[in-house]
Amino acid sequence: MTTSNDGTGLQLRSLVKSSGELELSLARVPIPKPSDDEILVRVEATPINPSDLGLLLGPADLSTAQVAGSGDEAVVTAKIPPQFMRAVAARADESMPVGNEGAGVVVEAGSSPEAQALVGKTVAILGGAMYAQYRVVKAADALPLPAGATPADGASCFVNPLTALGMVETMRREGHTALVHTAAASNLGQMLNKICLKDGVDLVNIVRSPAQAKILKDIGAKHVVDSSAPSFMDDLIAALTETGATLAFDAIGGGKLAGQILTGMEVAANKRAGAAYSRYGSATYKQVYIYGGLDTGPTELARAFGMSWGLGGWLLTPFLMKIGQAEAQKLRQRVADELRTTFASHYTREISLAEVLKPEVMAAYNRKTTGEKYLINPNKG
């Protein structure tokens, strides 16, 4: 896949039609010109994260997907079940670019010294519309990669690494001393383990199979609990008692897991304190933040965890805004410093923009299977 000679490049677009259909296509758009403090990046690597799939595919039923045309001219349509249309009504009939983060080479820059200094450099960038051959961003927002690093090395510099660092920083700022993480064998979960091991933070990892447990144990995880095991609650309570974890980040969202974690924290708090029975429960505050939706069903809470608890949502962007630019930059610099160790990402397959629209490929990256992460190279070919 190459850039045309007419000053345009390809960009992936997602359109939810008010008629109840999702439409995916590649649009040919003008290659933007950078202003004084901006750079033009030729995007060579951009990951498909779960957060990207929400915008890319929405609630469409991919079993209904149909393709018209081929290659760069392909258009995919799929039906959206009527009960889900209300959730995406705000974006109806608006063609939207997709892709949170990525990396590439700076091919043009504005006149400012900061922008000019990046020409020819490989940088990571965050800012949306990354499933495109070219992207303009502020020079100050680009993260120069270490010497020898490839765009693939830096493609996932932001969402997963900063989310993992943000979880640990939230723990510290809110007065907790240990963490719980669900769907913990993911790329993000493996990064979080490496951070916690390096920083001396106790982490309870909840996984959904023995195979996922092995992934974490092989990288040194200390506390791994399998939710598919008959002994899950006993194992969870034992890990929570040992670590004293009172803060959890839940990628599952729906189902009973958030409530089970709060219940386990309550039992563990009582065991650790040796306190007398109180009908109001322990005084230990317990918090679960839901940051994902692998289970899109209702969140079920069986109120067996006293009255000192909280359940809320957590997202990276509001967190970064809350801590301010200076503190966020410290986190970004740590990612750059540990790019090939703590924050290394691994990909199952590299695909082109046109391949993103193939139904069989769509079905594969939409499975969100642990250990299978897809990387788009918009300039592949």
Protein backbone atom coordinates (compact mmCIF):
# COMPACT_ATOMS: atom_id res chain seq x y z
CA MET A 1 0.00 0.00 0.00
CA THR A 2 1.61 3.27 -1.08
CA THR A 3 0.86 6.94 -0.95
CA SER A 4 -0.56 8.42 -4.12
CA ASN A 5 1.38 11.10 -6.00
CA ASP A 6 -1.45 13.61 -5.71
CA GLY A 7 -0.66 14.77 -2.18
CA THR A 8 -3.15 12.46 -0.50
CA GLY A 9 -2.96 9.46 1.80
CA LEU A 10 -5.34 6.81 3.09
CA GLN A 11 -7.25 7.05 6.36
CA LEU A 12 -9.56 4.45 7.87
CA ARG A 13 -13.06 5.73 8.66
CA SER A 14 -15.87 4.29 10.77
CA LEU A 15 -19.45 5.41 10.14
CA VAL A 16 -22.53 4.47 12.14
CA LYS A 17 -25.59 5.10 10.00
CA SER A 18 -28.88 6.12 11.58
CA SER A 19 -30.42 3.35 9.50
CA GLY A 20 -28.69 0.85 11.81
CA GLU A 21 -25.55 -0.09 9.91
CA LEU A 22 -21.82 0.22 10.51
CA GLU A 23 -19.74 1.16 7.48
CA LEU A 24 -15.94 0.89 7.35
CA SER A 25 -13.93 2.27 4.47
CA LEU A 26 -10.64 3.84 3.45
CA ALA A 27 -10.87 7.51 2.56
CA ARG A 28 -8.24 9.33 0.53
CA VAL A 29 -7.52 12.58 2.35
CA PRO A 30 -5.03 15.43 1.76
CA ILE A 31 -1.67 14.97 3.46
CA PRO A 32 -1.72 17.77 6.05
CA LYS A 33 0.93 20.48 6.16
CA PRO A 34 2.50 21.10 9.57
CA SER A 35 2.31 24.59 11.04
CA ASP A 36 5.27 26.20 12.85
CA ASP A 37 5.14 24.02 15.99
CA GLU A 38 3.94 20.81 14.32
CA ILE A 39 5.45 17.74 12.69
CA LEU A 40 4.20 15.43 9.94
CA VAL A 41 4.63 11.76 10.80
CA ARG A 42 4.53 8.90 8.31
CA VAL A 43 2.72 6.33 10.44
CA GLU A 44 4.32 2.89 10.26
CA ALA A 45 2.87 1.14 13.32
CA THR A 46 -0.39 1.58 15.24
CA PRO A 47 -1.94 -1.09 17.49
CA ILE A 48 -5.51 -2.31 17.70
CA ASN A 49 -6.34 -1.83 21.38
CA PRO A 50 -9.68 -2.74 22.99
CA SER A 51 -10.29 0.99 23.38
CA ASP A 52 -9.92 1.36 19.59
CA LEU A 53 -12.42 -1.40 18.87
CA GLY A 54 -15.19 0.52 20.60
CA LEU A 55 -14.94 3.27 18.00
CA LEU A 56 -13.91 1.11 15.07
CA LEU A 57 -16.62 -1.54 15.31
CA GLY A 58 -19.00 -0.24 17.96
CA PRO A 59 -21.79 -2.73 18.76
CA ALA A 60 -22.00 -4.08 15.20
CA ASP A 61 -22.80 -7.75 14.65
CA LEU A 62 -19.80 -8.92 12.61
CA SER A 63 -21.57 -12.11 11.61
CA THR A 64 -23.60 -9.89 9.25
CA ALA A 65 -20.53 -8.22 7.69
CA GLN A 66 -20.52 -7.84 3.91
CA VAL A 67 -17.78 -6.48 1.67
CA ALA A 68 -18.18 -4.50 -1.54
CA GLY A 69 -15.09 -3.81 -3.63
CA SER A 70 -11.54 -4.89 -2.81
CA GLY A 71 -8.18 -3.54 -1.65
CA ASP A 72 -8.16 0.19 -0.95
CA GLU A 73 -11.66 0.47 -2.41
CA ALA A 74 -13.28 -2.07 -0.08
CA VAL A 75 -16.31 -1.02 1.94
CA VAL A 76 -17.51 -3.20 4.82
CA THR A 77 -21.04 -2.99 6.19
CA ALA A 78 -22.50 -4.78 9.21
CA LYS A 79 -25.81 -4.53 11.01
CA ILE A 80 -26.12 -2.96 14.46
CA PRO A 81 -28.77 -4.63 16.66
CA PRO A 82 -31.59 -2.11 17.30
CA GLN A 83 -31.20 -2.31 21.09
CA PHE A 84 -27.64 -0.95 20.79
CA MET A 85 -28.38 2.00 18.49
CA ARG A 86 -29.20 4.31 21.38
CA ALA A 87 -25.67 3.87 22.76
CA VAL A 88 -24.12 5.15 19.51
CA ALA A 89 -26.80 7.69 18.54
CA ALA A 90 -24.48 10.63 19.25
CA ARG A 91 -22.14 9.57 16.43
CA ALA A 92 -24.82 8.63 13.90
CA ASP A 93 -24.08 9.64 10.28
CA GLU A 94 -20.67 11.11 11.17
CA SER A 95 -17.69 9.45 9.52
CA MET A 96 -14.98 9.18 12.17
CA PRO A 97 -11.23 8.48 12.04
CA VAL A 98 -9.91 5.75 14.34
CA GLY A 99 -6.75 4.83 16.26
CA ASN A 100 -5.51 6.24 19.55
CA GLU A 101 -1.75 5.85 19.29
CA GLY A 102 1.09 4.86 17.01
CA ALA A 103 4.60 5.57 15.84
CA GLY A 104 6.44 6.52 12.69
CA VAL A 105 9.05 8.74 11.10
CA VAL A 106 8.93 12.52 11.00
CA VAL A 107 9.04 13.44 7.30
CA GLU A 108 8.29 17.16 7.52
CA ALA A 109 8.24 19.80 10.25
CA GLY A 110 7.24 23.38 10.91
CA SER A 111 9.72 26.19 11.30
CA SER A 112 10.15 26.10 15.08
CA PRO A 113 13.48 24.72 16.38
CA GLU A 114 11.61 22.08 18.42
CA ALA A 115 9.82 20.81 15.32
CA GLN A 116 12.89 20.94 13.06
CA ALA A 117 14.91 18.94 15.59
CA LEU A 118 12.61 15.96 15.05
CA VAL A 119 12.95 15.66 11.27
CA GLY A 120 14.00 12.12 10.38
CA LYS A 121 13.45 10.88 13.93
CA THR A 122 11.25 7.95 14.90
CA VAL A 123 8.59 9.14 17.34
CA ALA A 124 5.56 7.81 19.18
CA ILE A 125 2.39 9.89 19.16
CA LEU A 126 -1.04 9.91 20.80
CA GLY A 127 -4.01 11.88 19.61
CA GLY A 128 -6.51 9.86 17.61
CA ALA A 129 -6.88 9.33 13.84
CA MET A 130 -3.79 7.11 13.83
CA TYR A 131 -5.15 4.53 11.38
CA ALA A 132 -3.85 6.69 8.57
CA GLN A 133 -0.75 6.95 6.44
CA TYR A 134 0.12 10.42 7.74
CA ARG A 135 -0.65 12.34 10.91
CA VAL A 136 0.20 15.91 12.01
CA VAL A 137 0.74 16.56 15.73
CA LYS A 138 2.34 19.19 17.92
CA ALA A 139 6.08 18.63 18.22
CA ALA A 140 5.75 18.90 22.00
CA ASP A 141 3.32 15.96 22.02
CA ALA A 142 5.67 13.56 20.24
CA LEU A 143 7.86 11.14 22.20
CA PRO A 144 11.23 10.60 20.47
CA LEU A 145 12.18 6.94 20.66
CA PRO A 146 15.62 5.73 21.80
CA ALA A 147 18.29 5.16 19.16
CA GLY A 148 17.68 1.94 17.27
CA ALA A 149 14.02 1.64 18.27
CA THR A 150 11.59 0.87 15.45
CA PRO A 151 8.06 2.22 14.99
CA ALA A 152 6.76 -1.21 16.09
CA ASP A 153 8.78 -0.86 19.31
CA GLY A 154 7.09 2.46 20.04
CA ALA A 155 3.61 1.87 18.65
CA SER A 156 2.11 1.06 22.05
CA CYS A 157 4.00 3.67 24.04
CA PHE A 158 0.97 5.41 25.49
CA VAL A 159 -2.28 3.58 26.16
CA ASN A 160 -1.08 0.42 27.90
CA PRO A 161 2.14 1.75 29.52
CA LEU A 162 0.57 4.95 30.83
CA THR A 163 -2.52 3.06 31.98
CA ALA A 164 -0.36 0.63 33.96
CA LEU A 165 1.71 3.45 35.45
CA GLY A 166 -1.48 5.38 36.15
CA MET A 167 -2.88 2.48 38.15
CA VAL A 168 0.18 2.40 40.41
CA GLU A 169 0.17 6.19 40.74
CA THR A 170 -3.56 6.17 41.60
CA MET A 171 -2.84 3.59 44.30
CA ARG A 172 -0.21 5.85 45.86
CA ARG A 173 -2.26 9.02 45.60
CA GLU A 174 -5.35 7.42 47.17
CA GLY A 175 -3.49 5.88 50.09
CA HIS A 176 -3.62 2.20 49.13
CA THR A 177 -0.59 -0.08 49.38
CA ALA A 178 -1.33 -2.95 46.98
CA LEU A 179 -3.35 -3.64 43.84
CA VAL A 180 -5.71 -6.13 42.22
CA HIS A 181 -5.95 -6.41 38.43
CA THR A 182 -8.34 -8.50 36.31
CA ALA A 183 -7.79 -9.94 32.82
CA ALA A 184 -4.27 -9.76 34.12
CA ALA A 185 -2.44 -11.79 31.45
CA SER A 186 -3.01 -9.12 28.81
CA ASN A 187 -0.19 -6.98 27.39
CA LEU A 188 -1.21 -4.29 29.87
CA GLY A 189 -1.32 -6.81 32.71
CA GLN A 190 2.16 -8.07 31.95
CA MET A 191 3.47 -4.50 31.96
CA LEU A 192 1.75 -3.85 35.30
CA ASN A 193 3.45 -6.92 36.76
CA LYS A 194 6.85 -5.75 35.63
CA ILE A 195 6.23 -2.29 37.14
CA CYS A 196 5.05 -3.73 40.45
CA LEU A 197 7.94 -6.19 40.67
CA LYS A 198 10.42 -3.40 39.98
CA ASP A 199 8.75 -0.92 42.36
CA GLY A 200 8.09 -3.40 45.17
CA VAL A 201 4.28 -3.19 44.95
CA ASP A 202 2.18 -6.26 45.82
CA LEU A 203 -0.16 -7.17 42.96
CA VAL A 204 -2.97 -9.73 42.90
CA ASN A 205 -3.56 -10.95 39.34
CA ILE A 206 -6.95 -12.43 38.42
CA VAL A 207 -6.93 -14.51 35.23
CA ARG A 208 -9.50 -16.73 33.52
CA SER A 209 -7.57 -19.92 32.74
CA PRO A 210 -4.54 -22.00 33.79
CA ALA A 211 -2.81 -21.01 30.55
CA GLN A 212 -3.12 -17.33 31.45
CA ALA A 213 -1.86 -18.06 34.95
CA LYS A 214 1.25 -19.67 33.45
CA ILE A 215 1.95 -16.59 31.32
CA LEU A 216 2.19 -14.46 34.45
CA LYS A 217 4.05 -16.95 36.60
CA ASP A 218 6.64 -17.28 33.85
CA ILE A 219 7.43 -13.55 34.14
CA GLY A 220 7.68 -13.69 37.92
CA ALA A 221 4.19 -12.76 39.12
CA LYS A 222 3.79 -13.61 42.81
CA HIS A 223 0.02 -13.70 43.31
CA VAL A 224 -2.04 -15.26 40.49
CA VAL A 225 -5.66 -16.35 41.01
CA ASP A 226 -7.67 -18.26 38.39
CA SER A 227 -11.36 -17.29 38.36
CA SER A 228 -12.21 -20.55 36.55
CA ALA A 229 -10.96 -22.67 39.48
CA PRO A 230 -13.47 -24.08 42.01
CA SER A 231 -11.30 -22.63 44.79
CA PHE A 232 -11.34 -19.11 43.28
CA MET A 233 -12.86 -17.23 46.24
CA ASP A 234 -10.67 -19.02 48.79
CA ASP A 235 -7.58 -18.34 46.66
CA LEU A 236 -8.59 -14.71 46.18
CA ILE A 237 -9.17 -14.13 49.91
CA ALA A 238 -5.81 -15.72 50.71
CA ALA A 239 -4.00 -13.42 48.26
CA LEU A 240 -5.86 -10.34 49.51
CA THR A 241 -5.10 -11.25 53.12
CA GLU A 242 -1.42 -11.65 52.35
CA THR A 243 -1.08 -8.45 50.31
CA GLY A 244 -3.62 -6.19 52.02
CA ALA A 245 -4.78 -4.98 48.60
CA THR A 246 -7.79 -2.64 48.85
CA LEU A 247 -7.76 -1.18 45.33
CA ALA A 248 -8.70 -3.06 42.16
CA PHE A 249 -8.76 -2.21 38.46
CA ASP A 250 -11.28 -4.32 36.58
CA ALA A 251 -11.14 -4.81 32.82
CA ILE A 252 -14.12 -7.19 32.77
CA GLY A 253 -16.87 -4.77 33.88
CA GLY A 254 -19.94 -6.97 33.69
CA GLY A 255 -20.87 -9.97 35.79
CA LYS A 256 -20.04 -10.81 39.40
CA LEU A 257 -16.30 -10.25 39.51
CA ALA A 258 -16.23 -6.68 40.86
CA GLY A 259 -18.54 -7.71 43.70
CA GLN A 260 -16.49 -10.80 44.41
CA ILE A 261 -13.35 -8.67 44.70
CA LEU A 262 -15.04 -6.30 47.16
CA THR A 263 -16.31 -9.28 49.17
CA GLY A 264 -12.84 -10.80 49.23
CA MET A 265 -11.34 -7.50 50.37
CA GLU A 266 -13.89 -7.31 53.19
CA VAL A 267 -13.14 -10.82 54.44
CA ALA A 268 -9.38 -10.19 54.17
CA ALA A 269 -9.67 -6.88 56.05
CA ASN A 270 -11.48 -8.56 58.92
CA LYS A 271 -8.91 -11.36 59.03
CA ARG A 272 -6.00 -8.93 59.10
CA ALA A 273 -7.54 -6.68 61.74
CA GLY A 274 -8.94 -9.42 63.94
CA ALA A 275 -11.77 -7.02 64.70
CA ALA A 276 -14.98 -7.86 66.51
CA TYR A 277 -18.10 -8.38 64.39
CA SER A 278 -19.92 -5.26 63.20
CA ARG A 279 -23.16 -5.37 61.24
CA TYR A 280 -21.82 -2.41 59.23
CA GLY A 281 -18.72 -4.31 58.15
CA SER A 282 -15.08 -3.35 58.46
CA ALA A 283 -13.90 0.26 58.54
CA THR A 284 -11.37 -0.49 55.81
CA TYR A 285 -12.21 1.39 52.61
CA LYS A 286 -12.28 -0.80 49.50
CA GLN A 287 -12.35 0.54 45.91
CA VAL A 288 -12.88 -1.11 42.53
CA TYR A 289 -12.39 0.92 39.36
CA ILE A 290 -13.89 -0.48 36.15
CA TYR A 291 -11.75 0.57 33.19
CA GLY A 292 -12.83 -1.95 30.55
CA GLY A 293 -15.83 -3.87 29.24
CA LEU A 294 -14.79 -7.36 28.21
CA ASP A 295 -18.16 -8.42 29.64
CA THR A 296 -20.79 -5.98 28.39
CA GLY A 297 -23.52 -7.33 30.66
CA PRO A 298 -24.75 -5.74 33.91
CA THR A 299 -22.36 -5.40 36.84
CA GLU A 300 -23.76 -7.59 39.62
CA LEU A 301 -23.10 -6.73 43.28
CA ALA A 302 -24.06 -9.09 46.11
CA ARG A 303 -23.74 -6.68 49.05
CA ALA A 304 -21.51 -8.74 51.33
CA PHE A 305 -18.76 -6.18 51.83
CA GLY A 306 -19.97 -3.77 54.48
CA MET A 307 -20.53 -0.05 53.98
CA SER A 308 -17.01 1.25 53.36
CA TRP A 309 -16.50 0.73 49.65
CA GLY A 310 -16.64 2.37 46.26
CA LEU A 311 -17.23 1.33 42.65
CA GLY A 312 -16.47 3.71 39.83
CA GLY A 313 -14.94 4.19 36.42
CA TRP A 314 -11.33 5.02 35.56
CA LEU A 315 -9.90 6.27 32.28
CA LEU A 316 -6.38 7.28 31.33
CA THR A 317 -7.04 10.70 29.78
CA PRO A 318 -8.90 12.20 32.77
CA PHE A 319 -6.18 10.80 35.05
CA LEU A 320 -3.41 12.49 33.06
CA MET A 321 -5.33 15.76 33.09
CA LYS A 322 -5.75 15.46 36.85
CA ILE A 323 -2.05 14.98 37.61
CA GLY A 324 -0.93 17.75 35.23
CA GLN A 325 1.55 18.01 32.38
CA ALA A 326 4.74 17.89 34.48
CA GLU A 327 3.80 14.67 36.28
CA ALA A 328 2.47 13.12 33.07
CA GLN A 329 5.80 13.87 31.37
CA LYS A 330 7.63 11.96 34.10
CA LEU A 331 5.52 8.91 33.32
CA ARG A 332 6.14 9.31 29.59
CA GLN A 333 9.88 9.53 30.16
CA ARG A 334 9.85 6.31 32.16
CA VAL A 335 8.12 4.61 29.25
CA ALA A 336 10.85 5.83 26.88
CA ASP A 337 13.61 4.73 29.27
CA GLU A 338 12.16 1.21 29.67
CA LEU A 339 10.71 0.81 26.17
CA ARG A 340 12.34 -2.55 25.41
CA THR A 341 12.05 -4.04 28.89
CA THR A 342 9.14 -3.13 31.16
CA PHE A 343 7.00 -1.72 28.36
CA ALA A 344 7.84 -4.05 25.50
CA SER A 345 4.80 -5.10 23.44
CA HIS A 346 4.45 -8.21 21.32
CA TYR A 347 2.21 -8.57 18.28
CA THR A 348 0.59 -11.56 16.64
CA ARG A 349 0.46 -10.09 13.17
CA GLU A 350 1.18 -6.90 11.23
CA ILE A 351 -1.57 -5.92 8.79
CA SER A 352 -2.20 -3.16 6.25
CA LEU A 353 -5.12 -0.73 6.28
CA ALA A 354 -6.81 -2.78 3.57
CA GLU A 355 -6.43 -5.97 5.62
CA VAL A 356 -8.24 -4.30 8.54
CA LEU A 357 -11.37 -4.49 6.37
CA LYS A 358 -11.20 -8.23 5.61
CA PRO A 359 -13.99 -10.00 7.55
CA GLU A 360 -11.79 -12.93 8.58
CA VAL A 361 -9.16 -10.54 9.93
CA MET A 362 -11.82 -8.43 11.66
CA ALA A 363 -13.13 -11.54 13.43
CA ALA A 364 -9.61 -12.38 14.62
CA TYR A 365 -8.65 -9.00 16.11
CA ASN A 366 -12.13 -8.50 17.57
CA ARG A 367 -11.78 -11.67 19.67
CA LYS A 368 -9.51 -9.72 22.06
CA THR A 369 -7.74 -12.97 22.89
CA THR A 370 -4.95 -12.85 25.46
CA GLY A 371 -1.59 -13.00 23.71
CA GLU A 372 -3.02 -11.99 20.32
CA LYS A 373 -2.47 -8.33 19.51
CA TYR A 374 -2.66 -6.91 16.00
CA LEU A 375 -0.49 -4.11 14.65
CA ILE A 376 -1.50 -1.97 11.68
CA ASN A 377 1.18 -0.58 9.36
CA PRO A 378 -0.74 2.01 7.29
CA ASN A 379 2.18 2.21 4.84
CA LYS A 380 2.64 -1.54 4.48
CA GLY A 381 2.96 -2.79 0.93
